[in-house]
Amino acid sequence: MKHTDEGTLALMALGELPSGSDDLHLRTCPACRGELEALRRVVTAARAPESEDIGLLQPPAELWTGIATELALTRAPAGAVTAVGEAPDAVPAEKEERVGSPAERGAPTPRAARRPLLSRRARFSVVLAACAALLGATAGSAVTWWVTRGAGETAAARTRALDSLRPASTGYASLRGTGAHRSLTVQVKGLPMTSGYFEVWLMDRSHTKLVSMGALDPDGKAVLPVPENIDLREYSVVDVSVQPYNGKPDHSGKSIVRGPYAG
């Protein structure tokens, strides 16, 4: 069975819709679903802080050292500095040849001549760590831009309850910020079980015009940037729907909460 590659899983964890073949594979492969959920937990953790005073944190120096140790890679020389977001280089080609040379190692090691390929689990650990570093250390990205915005541009926003379109579900939404630094905060409790995902939309009052804003985290919460060219006087209603992984961007028609947001 050909598994979904780690790069595609990482993009899906960040909210990108899967292709039809990837969607079909996820329905039948527990291993890939587990890896996708692990990456989504990383994204959720990166979005979790709500304090306006929290700054970007630099990953600890031993992050890549630990990865190199786990994967049996050659460690960087003492005192070497690795830039944030850059993985340590693999063993140079000229050193690769010496690693497997029995003559230079002083003892016959027949199996050392072949470098073992990284296992899927090992490669996934690199993707997971890189995803965490990206989300935690990249300023200006769509996921972390709200952490670095000026405190003067944001104000405490009220939260408004949304109308429940499903008995067990309750939702809340608020808008904060101005201009190019607006964000929509949505939280839904009592989400139904689904093999798909939950999409957040902005709608007009007639529910005929809508804009997709992004997906809820697995815990039912999302803080989503609102493009400056969206007229919030027209798009004043929030809707959260259950969406299948079918590669189609259209609203499924299965809303669970809907209503005006606060702010």
C-alpha atoms as a PDB file:
ATOM      1  CA  MET A   1       0.000   0.000   0.000  1.00  0.00           C
ATOM      2  CA  LYS A   2       1.379   3.431  -0.964  1.00  0.00           C
ATOM      3  CA  HIS A   3       1.043   5.811   1.982  1.00  0.00           C
ATOM      4  CA  THR A   4       0.370   9.549   1.799  1.00  0.00           C
ATOM      5  CA  ASP A   5       3.698  11.383   1.917  1.00  0.00           C
ATOM      6  CA  GLU A   6       4.612  13.399   5.011  1.00  0.00           C
ATOM      7  CA  GLY A   7       4.675  16.741   3.203  1.00  0.00           C
ATOM      8  CA  THR A   8       1.080  16.288   2.050  1.00  0.00           C
ATOM      9  CA  LEU A   9      -0.001  15.310   5.576  1.00  0.00           C
ATOM     10  CA  ALA A  10       1.656  18.448   6.980  1.00  0.00           C
ATOM     11  CA  LEU A  11      -0.196  20.666   4.474  1.00  0.00           C
ATOM     12  CA  MET A  12      -3.488  18.947   5.338  1.00  0.00           C
ATOM     13  CA  ALA A  13      -2.825  19.582   9.050  1.00  0.00           C
ATOM     14  CA  LEU A  14      -2.457  23.278   8.206  1.00  0.00           C
ATOM     15  CA  GLY A  15      -5.894  23.253   6.529  1.00  0.00           C
ATOM     16  CA  GLU A  16      -5.271  22.320   2.890  1.00  0.00           C
ATOM     17  CA  LEU A  17      -7.905  20.057   1.353  1.00  0.00           C
ATOM     18  CA  PRO A  18      -6.698  16.592   0.294  1.00  0.00           C
ATOM     19  CA  SER A  19      -6.948  15.239  -3.226  1.00  0.00           C
ATOM     20  CA  GLY A  20      -9.507  12.555  -3.970  1.00  0.00           C
ATOM     21  CA  SER A  21      -6.902   9.787  -3.835  1.00  0.00           C
ATOM     22  CA  ASP A  22      -5.459  11.055  -0.535  1.00  0.00           C
ATOM     23  CA  ASP A  23      -8.949  11.324   0.940  1.00  0.00           C
ATOM     24  CA  LEU A  24      -9.735   7.734  -0.074  1.00  0.00           C
ATOM     25  CA  HIS A  25      -6.451   6.502   1.371  1.00  0.00           C
ATOM     26  CA  LEU A  26      -7.047   8.282   4.705  1.00  0.00           C
ATOM     27  CA  ARG A  27     -10.392   6.536   5.054  1.00  0.00           C
ATOM     28  CA  THR A  28      -8.721   3.121   4.900  1.00  0.00           C
ATOM     29  CA  CYS A  29      -5.283   3.684   6.480  1.00  0.00           C
ATOM     30  CA  PRO A  30      -5.130   4.023  10.304  1.00  0.00           C
ATOM     31  CA  ALA A  31      -1.387   4.794  10.155  1.00  0.00           C
ATOM     32  CA  CYS A  32      -1.783   7.861   7.937  1.00  0.00           C
ATOM     33  CA  ARG A  33      -4.828   9.046   9.899  1.00  0.00           C
ATOM     34  CA  GLY A  34      -2.794   8.783  13.097  1.00  0.00           C
ATOM     35  CA  GLU A  35       0.057  10.810  11.616  1.00  0.00           C
ATOM     36  CA  LEU A  36      -2.377  13.460  10.368  1.00  0.00           C
ATOM     37  CA  GLU A  37      -3.950  13.761  13.825  1.00  0.00           C
ATOM     38  CA  ALA A  38      -0.485  14.105  15.395  1.00  0.00           C
ATOM     39  CA  LEU A  39       0.347  16.963  13.023  1.00  0.00           C
ATOM     40  CA  ARG A  40      -3.010  18.606  13.719  1.00  0.00           C
ATOM     41  CA  ARG A  41      -2.225  18.496  17.443  1.00  0.00           C
ATOM     42  CA  VAL A  42       0.997  20.388  16.690  1.00  0.00           C
ATOM     43  CA  VAL A  43      -0.991  23.029  14.805  1.00  0.00           C
ATOM     44  CA  THR A  44      -3.489  23.247  17.671  1.00  0.00           C
ATOM     45  CA  ALA A  45      -0.715  23.681  20.206  1.00  0.00           C
ATOM     46  CA  ALA A  46       0.838  26.445  18.107  1.00  0.00           C
ATOM     47  CA  ARG A  47      -2.468  28.319  18.008  1.00  0.00           C
ATOM     48  CA  ALA A  48      -3.262  27.812  21.680  1.00  0.00           C
ATOM     49  CA  PRO A  49      -1.646  30.927  23.349  1.00  0.00           C
ATOM     50  CA  GLU A  50      -4.114  33.779  23.700  1.00  0.00           C
ATOM     51  CA  SER A  51      -2.057  36.393  25.544  1.00  0.00           C
ATOM     52  CA  GLU A  52      -1.322  39.465  23.431  1.00  0.00           C
ATOM     53  CA  ASP A  53       2.067  39.775  25.163  1.00  0.00           C
ATOM     54  CA  ILE A  54       3.414  36.408  24.098  1.00  0.00           C
ATOM     55  CA  GLY A  55       6.363  36.700  21.722  1.00  0.00           C
ATOM     56  CA  LEU A  56       7.849  34.191  19.350  1.00  0.00           C
ATOM     57  CA  LEU A  57       9.928  31.527  21.052  1.00  0.00           C
ATOM     58  CA  GLN A  58      13.157  30.198  19.602  1.00  0.00           C
ATOM     59  CA  PRO A  59      13.322  26.393  19.609  1.00  0.00           C
ATOM     60  CA  PRO A  60      15.863  25.043  22.131  1.00  0.00           C
ATOM     61  CA  ALA A  61      19.377  24.445  20.845  1.00  0.00           C
ATOM     62  CA  GLU A  62      19.094  20.724  21.456  1.00  0.00           C
ATOM     63  CA  LEU A  63      16.041  20.316  19.164  1.00  0.00           C
ATOM     64  CA  TRP A  64      17.981  19.346  16.047  1.00  0.00           C
ATOM     65  CA  THR A  65      20.620  17.544  18.114  1.00  0.00           C
ATOM     66  CA  GLY A  66      17.880  15.267  19.433  1.00  0.00           C
ATOM     67  CA  ILE A  67      16.581  14.649  15.926  1.00  0.00           C
ATOM     68  CA  ALA A  68      20.080  13.850  14.685  1.00  0.00           C
ATOM     69  CA  THR A  69      20.600  11.425  17.562  1.00  0.00           C
ATOM     70  CA  GLU A  70      17.249   9.724  16.914  1.00  0.00           C
ATOM     71  CA  LEU A  71      18.087   9.276  13.232  1.00  0.00           C
ATOM     72  CA  ALA A  72      21.753   8.362  13.813  1.00  0.00           C
ATOM     73  CA  LEU A  73      22.988  11.355  11.805  1.00  0.00           C
ATOM     74  CA  THR A  74      26.442  12.888  12.270  1.00  0.00           C
ATOM     75  CA  ARG A  75      26.272  15.660  14.861  1.00  0.00           C
ATOM     76  CA  ALA A  76      27.399  19.200  14.009  1.00  0.00           C
ATOM     77  CA  PRO A  77      30.848  20.319  15.318  1.00  0.00           C
ATOM     78  CA  ALA A  78      30.954  21.822  18.795  1.00  0.00           C
ATOM     79  CA  GLY A  79      30.094  25.516  18.751  1.00  0.00           C
ATOM     80  CA  ALA A  80      28.294  25.356  15.412  1.00  0.00           C
ATOM     81  CA  VAL A  81      25.126  27.413  15.263  1.00  0.00           C
ATOM     82  CA  THR A  82      22.070  26.240  13.336  1.00  0.00           C
ATOM     83  CA  ALA A  83      19.637  28.903  12.165  1.00  0.00           C
ATOM     84  CA  VAL A  84      16.087  28.710  13.408  1.00  0.00           C
ATOM     85  CA  GLY A  85      13.945  26.641  11.019  1.00  0.00           C
ATOM     86  CA  GLU A  86      16.943  24.956   9.337  1.00  0.00           C
ATOM     87  CA  ALA A  87      17.588  21.269   9.841  1.00  0.00           C
ATOM     88  CA  PRO A  88      21.223  20.178  10.320  1.00  0.00           C
ATOM     89  CA  ASP A  89      22.927  19.013   7.167  1.00  0.00           C
ATOM     90  CA  ALA A  90      23.237  15.291   6.505  1.00  0.00           C
ATOM     91  CA  VAL A  91      26.678  13.687   6.363  1.00  0.00           C
ATOM     92  CA  PRO A  92      28.726  15.230   3.467  1.00  0.00           C
ATOM     93  CA  ALA A  93      29.317  12.987   0.473  1.00  0.00           C
ATOM     94  CA  GLU A  94      33.064  12.638   1.102  1.00  0.00           C
ATOM     95  CA  LYS A  95      32.384  11.568   4.689  1.00  0.00           C
ATOM     96  CA  GLU A  96      29.704   9.134   3.604  1.00  0.00           C
ATOM     97  CA  GLU A  97      32.270   7.142   1.701  1.00  0.00           C
ATOM     98  CA  ARG A  98      34.565   6.883   4.714  1.00  0.00           C
ATOM     99  CA  VAL A  99      31.800   5.878   7.116  1.00  0.00           C
ATOM    100  CA  GLY A 100      31.327   2.545   5.403  1.00  0.00           C
ATOM    101  CA  SER A 101      35.023   1.840   4.732  1.00  0.00           C
ATOM    102  CA  PRO A 102      36.261  -1.208   6.704  1.00  0.00           C
ATOM    103  CA  ALA A 103      39.907  -0.288   6.031  1.00  0.00           C
ATOM    104  CA  GLU A 104      39.630   3.133   7.690  1.00  0.00           C
ATOM    105  CA  ARG A 105      37.501   1.860  10.572  1.00  0.00           C
ATOM    106  CA  GLY A 106      40.121  -0.781  11.397  1.00  0.00           C
ATOM    107  CA  ALA A 107      37.764  -3.756  11.420  1.00  0.00           C
ATOM    108  CA  PRO A 108      35.726  -5.589   8.782  1.00  0.00           C
ATOM    109  CA  THR A 109      32.146  -4.361   8.834  1.00  0.00           C
ATOM    110  CA  PRO A 110      30.478  -5.792   5.729  1.00  0.00           C
ATOM    111  CA  ARG A 111      27.061  -4.330   6.453  1.00  0.00           C
ATOM    112  CA  ALA A 112      28.389  -0.819   7.085  1.00  0.00           C
ATOM    113  CA  ALA A 113      28.866  -0.233   3.370  1.00  0.00           C
ATOM    114  CA  ARG A 114      25.129   0.243   2.960  1.00  0.00           C
ATOM    115  CA  ARG A 115      23.463   3.207   4.614  1.00  0.00           C
ATOM    116  CA  PRO A 116      20.011   2.132   5.840  1.00  0.00           C
ATOM    117  CA  LEU A 117      17.122   4.117   4.475  1.00  0.00           C
ATOM    118  CA  LEU A 118      15.201   6.151   7.029  1.00  0.00           C
ATOM    119  CA  SER A 119      12.067   4.409   8.174  1.00  0.00           C
ATOM    120  CA  ARG A 120       8.677   6.037   7.629  1.00  0.00           C
ATOM    121  CA  ARG A 121       8.454   6.663  11.375  1.00  0.00           C
ATOM    122  CA  ALA A 122      11.863   8.371  11.436  1.00  0.00           C
ATOM    123  CA  ARG A 123      11.018  10.568   8.458  1.00  0.00           C
ATOM    124  CA  PHE A 124       7.675  11.433  10.035  1.00  0.00           C
ATOM    125  CA  SER A 125       9.461  12.530  13.244  1.00  0.00           C
ATOM    126  CA  VAL A 126      11.482  14.996  11.168  1.00  0.00           C
ATOM    127  CA  VAL A 127       8.317  16.368   9.529  1.00  0.00           C
ATOM    128  CA  LEU A 128       6.637  16.642  12.934  1.00  0.00           C
ATOM    129  CA  ALA A 129       9.573  18.501  14.475  1.00  0.00           C
ATOM    130  CA  ALA A 130       9.934  20.763  11.447  1.00  0.00           C
ATOM    131  CA  CYS A 131       6.220  21.546  11.514  1.00  0.00           C
ATOM    132  CA  ALA A 132       6.486  22.450  15.207  1.00  0.00           C
ATOM    133  CA  ALA A 133       9.518  24.650  14.566  1.00  0.00           C
ATOM    134  CA  LEU A 134       7.789  26.329  11.620  1.00  0.00           C
ATOM    135  CA  LEU A 135       4.642  27.076  13.585  1.00  0.00           C
ATOM    136  CA  GLY A 136       6.580  28.231  16.646  1.00  0.00           C
ATOM    137  CA  ALA A 137       9.296  30.308  14.994  1.00  0.00           C
ATOM    138  CA  THR A 138       8.061  31.743  11.678  1.00  0.00           C
ATOM    139  CA  ALA A 139       6.902  35.351  12.000  1.00  0.00           C
ATOM    140  CA  GLY A 140       4.244  36.630   9.651  1.00  0.00           C
ATOM    141  CA  SER A 141       2.817  33.252   8.636  1.00  0.00           C
ATOM    142  CA  ALA A 142      -0.923  32.755   8.329  1.00  0.00           C
ATOM    143  CA  VAL A 143      -0.884  30.655  11.489  1.00  0.00           C
ATOM    144  CA  THR A 144       1.162  32.930  13.803  1.00  0.00           C
ATOM    145  CA  TRP A 145       0.672  36.464  12.478  1.00  0.00           C
ATOM    146  CA  TRP A 146      -1.754  37.268  15.282  1.00  0.00           C
ATOM    147  CA  VAL A 147       0.886  36.564  17.950  1.00  0.00           C
ATOM    148  CA  THR A 148       3.102  39.399  16.722  1.00  0.00           C
ATOM    149  CA  ARG A 149       0.518  42.085  16.001  1.00  0.00           C
ATOM    150  CA  GLY A 150       0.706  45.237  18.100  1.00  0.00           C
ATOM    151  CA  ALA A 151      -1.266  45.299  21.311  1.00  0.00           C
ATOM    152  CA  GLY A 152      -2.573  48.730  20.358  1.00  0.00           C
ATOM    153  CA  GLU A 153      -4.379  47.317  17.333  1.00  0.00           C
ATOM    154  CA  THR A 154      -6.415  44.836  19.325  1.00  0.00           C
ATOM    155  CA  ALA A 155      -9.039  45.259  21.982  1.00  0.00           C
ATOM    156  CA  ALA A 156     -10.931  42.848  24.149  1.00  0.00           C
ATOM    157  CA  ALA A 157     -13.858  41.650  22.086  1.00  0.00           C
ATOM    158  CA  ARG A 158     -17.153  40.422  23.322  1.00  0.00           C
ATOM    159  CA  THR A 159     -18.170  36.902  22.444  1.00  0.00           C
ATOM    160  CA  ARG A 160     -21.597  36.204  20.981  1.00  0.00           C
ATOM    161  CA  ALA A 161     -23.418  32.890  21.068  1.00  0.00           C
ATOM    162  CA  LEU A 162     -24.328  31.482  17.668  1.00  0.00           C
ATOM    163  CA  ASP A 163     -27.626  29.799  16.859  1.00  0.00           C
ATOM    164  CA  SER A 164     -27.411  26.039  17.306  1.00  0.00           C
ATOM    165  CA  LEU A 165     -28.587  24.069  14.268  1.00  0.00           C
ATOM    166  CA  ARG A 166     -27.864  20.771  16.025  1.00  0.00           C
ATOM    167  CA  PRO A 167     -29.193  20.091  19.560  1.00  0.00           C
ATOM    168  CA  ALA A 168     -25.870  19.043  21.122  1.00  0.00           C
ATOM    169  CA  SER A 169     -23.717  21.788  19.558  1.00  0.00           C
ATOM    170  CA  THR A 170     -23.092  25.326  20.830  1.00  0.00           C
ATOM    171  CA  GLY A 171     -20.913  27.965  19.203  1.00  0.00           C
ATOM    172  CA  TYR A 172     -19.412  31.378  19.930  1.00  0.00           C
ATOM    173  CA  ALA A 173     -17.752  33.924  17.642  1.00  0.00           C
ATOM    174  CA  SER A 174     -16.026  37.288  17.951  1.00  0.00           C
ATOM    175  CA  LEU A 175     -14.095  39.658  15.702  1.00  0.00           C
ATOM    176  CA  ARG A 176     -11.100  41.679  16.828  1.00  0.00           C
ATOM    177  CA  GLY A 177      -8.531  43.975  15.274  1.00  0.00           C
ATOM    178  CA  THR A 178      -8.805  46.502  12.460  1.00  0.00           C
ATOM    179  CA  GLY A 179      -7.723  46.920   8.858  1.00  0.00           C
ATOM    180  CA  ALA A 180      -5.280  44.273   7.697  1.00  0.00           C
ATOM    181  CA  HIS A 181      -5.005  42.816  11.193  1.00  0.00           C
ATOM    182  CA  ARG A 182      -8.502  41.482  11.771  1.00  0.00           C
ATOM    183  CA  SER A 183      -9.102  38.021  13.157  1.00  0.00           C
ATOM    184  CA  LEU A 184     -12.208  35.917  13.656  1.00  0.00           C
ATOM    185  CA  THR A 185     -12.277  33.723  16.760  1.00  0.00           C
ATOM    186  CA  VAL A 186     -14.710  30.803  16.666  1.00  0.00           C
ATOM    187  CA  GLN A 187     -15.290  28.063  19.218  1.00  0.00           C
ATOM    188  CA  VAL A 188     -17.787  25.217  18.928  1.00  0.00           C
ATOM    189  CA  LYS A 189     -18.582  22.701  21.649  1.00  0.00           C
ATOM    190  CA  GLY A 190     -20.376  19.406  21.147  1.00  0.00           C
ATOM    191  CA  LEU A 191     -19.019  18.698  17.679  1.00  0.00           C
ATOM    192  CA  PRO A 192     -20.555  15.618  16.016  1.00  0.00           C
ATOM    193  CA  MET A 193     -18.454  12.637  15.002  1.00  0.00           C
ATOM    194  CA  THR A 194     -17.282  12.880  11.406  1.00  0.00           C
ATOM    195  CA  SER A 195     -14.758  11.406   9.004  1.00  0.00           C
ATOM    196  CA  GLY A 196     -14.427  14.877   7.464  1.00  0.00           C
ATOM    197  CA  TYR A 197     -13.672  18.262   9.009  1.00  0.00           C
ATOM    198  CA  PHE A 198     -15.409  21.455  10.176  1.00  0.00           C
ATOM    199  CA  GLU A 199     -15.212  24.572   7.990  1.00  0.00           C
ATOM    200  CA  VAL A 200     -15.805  28.176   9.106  1.00  0.00           C
ATOM    201  CA  TRP A 201     -17.612  30.519   6.698  1.00  0.00           C
ATOM    202  CA  LEU A 202     -18.583  34.196   6.563  1.00  0.00           C
ATOM    203  CA  MET A 203     -22.024  34.764   5.018  1.00  0.00           C
ATOM    204  CA  ASP A 204     -24.321  37.618   4.172  1.00  0.00           C
ATOM    205  CA  ARG A 205     -27.659  37.858   5.959  1.00  0.00           C
ATOM    206  CA  SER A 206     -29.474  36.053   3.150  1.00  0.00           C
ATOM    207  CA  HIS A 207     -27.063  33.079   3.423  1.00  0.00           C
ATOM    208  CA  THR A 208     -26.589  33.148  -0.350  1.00  0.00           C
ATOM    209  CA  LYS A 209     -23.113  34.702  -0.503  1.00  0.00           C
ATOM    210  CA  LEU A 210     -20.329  33.081   1.493  1.00  0.00           C
ATOM    211  CA  VAL A 211     -16.561  33.026   1.902  1.00  0.00           C
ATOM    212  CA  SER A 212     -14.565  30.086   3.284  1.00  0.00           C
ATOM    213  CA  MET A 213     -12.326  31.236   6.151  1.00  0.00           C
ATOM    214  CA  GLY A 214     -10.617  28.024   7.267  1.00  0.00           C
ATOM    215  CA  ALA A 215     -11.056  24.876   9.344  1.00  0.00           C
ATOM    216  CA  LEU A 216     -11.664  24.380  13.045  1.00  0.00           C
ATOM    217  CA  ASP A 217      -8.942  22.728  15.086  1.00  0.00           C
ATOM    218  CA  PRO A 218      -9.708  19.239  16.454  1.00  0.00           C
ATOM    219  CA  ASP A 219     -10.653  20.886  19.774  1.00  0.00           C
ATOM    220  CA  GLY A 220     -13.336  22.971  18.048  1.00  0.00           C
ATOM    221  CA  LYS A 221     -11.534  26.319  18.083  1.00  0.00           C
ATOM    222  CA  ALA A 222     -10.021  28.535  15.396  1.00  0.00           C
ATOM    223  CA  VAL A 223      -8.466  32.006  15.198  1.00  0.00           C
ATOM    224  CA  LEU A 224      -8.611  32.953  11.523  1.00  0.00           C
ATOM    225  CA  PRO A 225      -7.222  36.024   9.725  1.00  0.00           C
ATOM    226  CA  VAL A 226      -9.855  38.074   7.894  1.00  0.00           C
ATOM    227  CA  PRO A 227      -8.605  39.569   4.588  1.00  0.00           C
ATOM    228  CA  GLU A 228      -8.876  43.345   4.413  1.00  0.00           C
ATOM    229  CA  ASN A 229     -10.920  43.208   1.197  1.00  0.00           C
ATOM    230  CA  ILE A 230     -13.831  41.380   2.870  1.00  0.00           C
ATOM    231  CA  ASP A 231     -16.617  43.853   3.668  1.00  0.00           C
ATOM    232  CA  LEU A 232     -17.809  42.846   7.121  1.00  0.00           C
ATOM    233  CA  ARG A 233     -20.852  45.080   6.794  1.00  0.00           C
ATOM    234  CA  GLU A 234     -22.032  42.615   4.164  1.00  0.00           C
ATOM    235  CA  TYR A 235     -20.524  39.389   5.517  1.00  0.00           C
ATOM    236  CA  SER A 236     -21.831  39.659   9.064  1.00  0.00           C
ATOM    237  CA  VAL A 237     -22.802  36.031   9.761  1.00  0.00           C
ATOM    238  CA  VAL A 238     -20.587  33.123  10.857  1.00  0.00           C
ATOM    239  CA  ASP A 239     -21.435  29.567   9.818  1.00  0.00           C
ATOM    240  CA  VAL A 240     -19.701  26.294  10.759  1.00  0.00           C
ATOM    241  CA  SER A 241     -20.401  23.255   8.601  1.00  0.00           C
ATOM    242  CA  VAL A 242     -19.441  19.585   8.462  1.00  0.00           C
ATOM    243  CA  GLN A 243     -17.434  19.023   5.268  1.00  0.00           C
ATOM    244  CA  PRO A 244     -16.400  15.709   3.655  1.00  0.00           C
ATOM    245  CA  TYR A 245     -12.909  15.117   2.288  1.00  0.00           C
ATOM    246  CA  ASN A 246     -14.077  15.073  -1.319  1.00  0.00           C
ATOM    247  CA  GLY A 247     -11.870  17.766  -2.832  1.00  0.00           C
ATOM    248  CA  LYS A 248     -14.862  20.068  -3.458  1.00  0.00           C
ATOM    249  CA  PRO A 249     -14.768  23.599  -1.978  1.00  0.00           C
ATOM    250  CA  ASP A 250     -18.558  24.045  -1.899  1.00  0.00           C
ATOM    251  CA  HIS A 251     -20.574  24.302   1.314  1.00  0.00           C
ATOM    252  CA  SER A 252     -21.954  20.871   2.204  1.00  0.00           C
ATOM    253  CA  GLY A 253     -25.294  22.248   3.397  1.00  0.00           C
ATOM    254  CA  LYS A 254     -24.756  20.579   6.795  1.00  0.00           C
ATOM    255  CA  SER A 255     -24.346  23.517   9.191  1.00  0.00           C
ATOM    256  CA  ILE A 256     -24.086  22.959  12.943  1.00  0.00           C
ATOM    257  CA  VAL A 257     -24.020  26.582  14.228  1.00  0.00           C
ATOM    258  CA  ARG A 258     -24.696  29.939  12.587  1.00  0.00           C
ATOM    259  CA  GLY A 259     -25.232  33.549  13.573  1.00  0.00           C
ATOM    260  CA  PRO A 260     -23.801  37.089  13.819  1.00  0.00           C
ATOM    261  CA  TYR A 261     -20.399  37.457  15.486  1.00  0.00           C
ATOM    262  CA  ALA A 262     -19.518  39.952  18.207  1.00  0.00           C
ATOM    263  CA  GLY A 263     -17.171  42.859  17.606  1.00  0.00           C
END
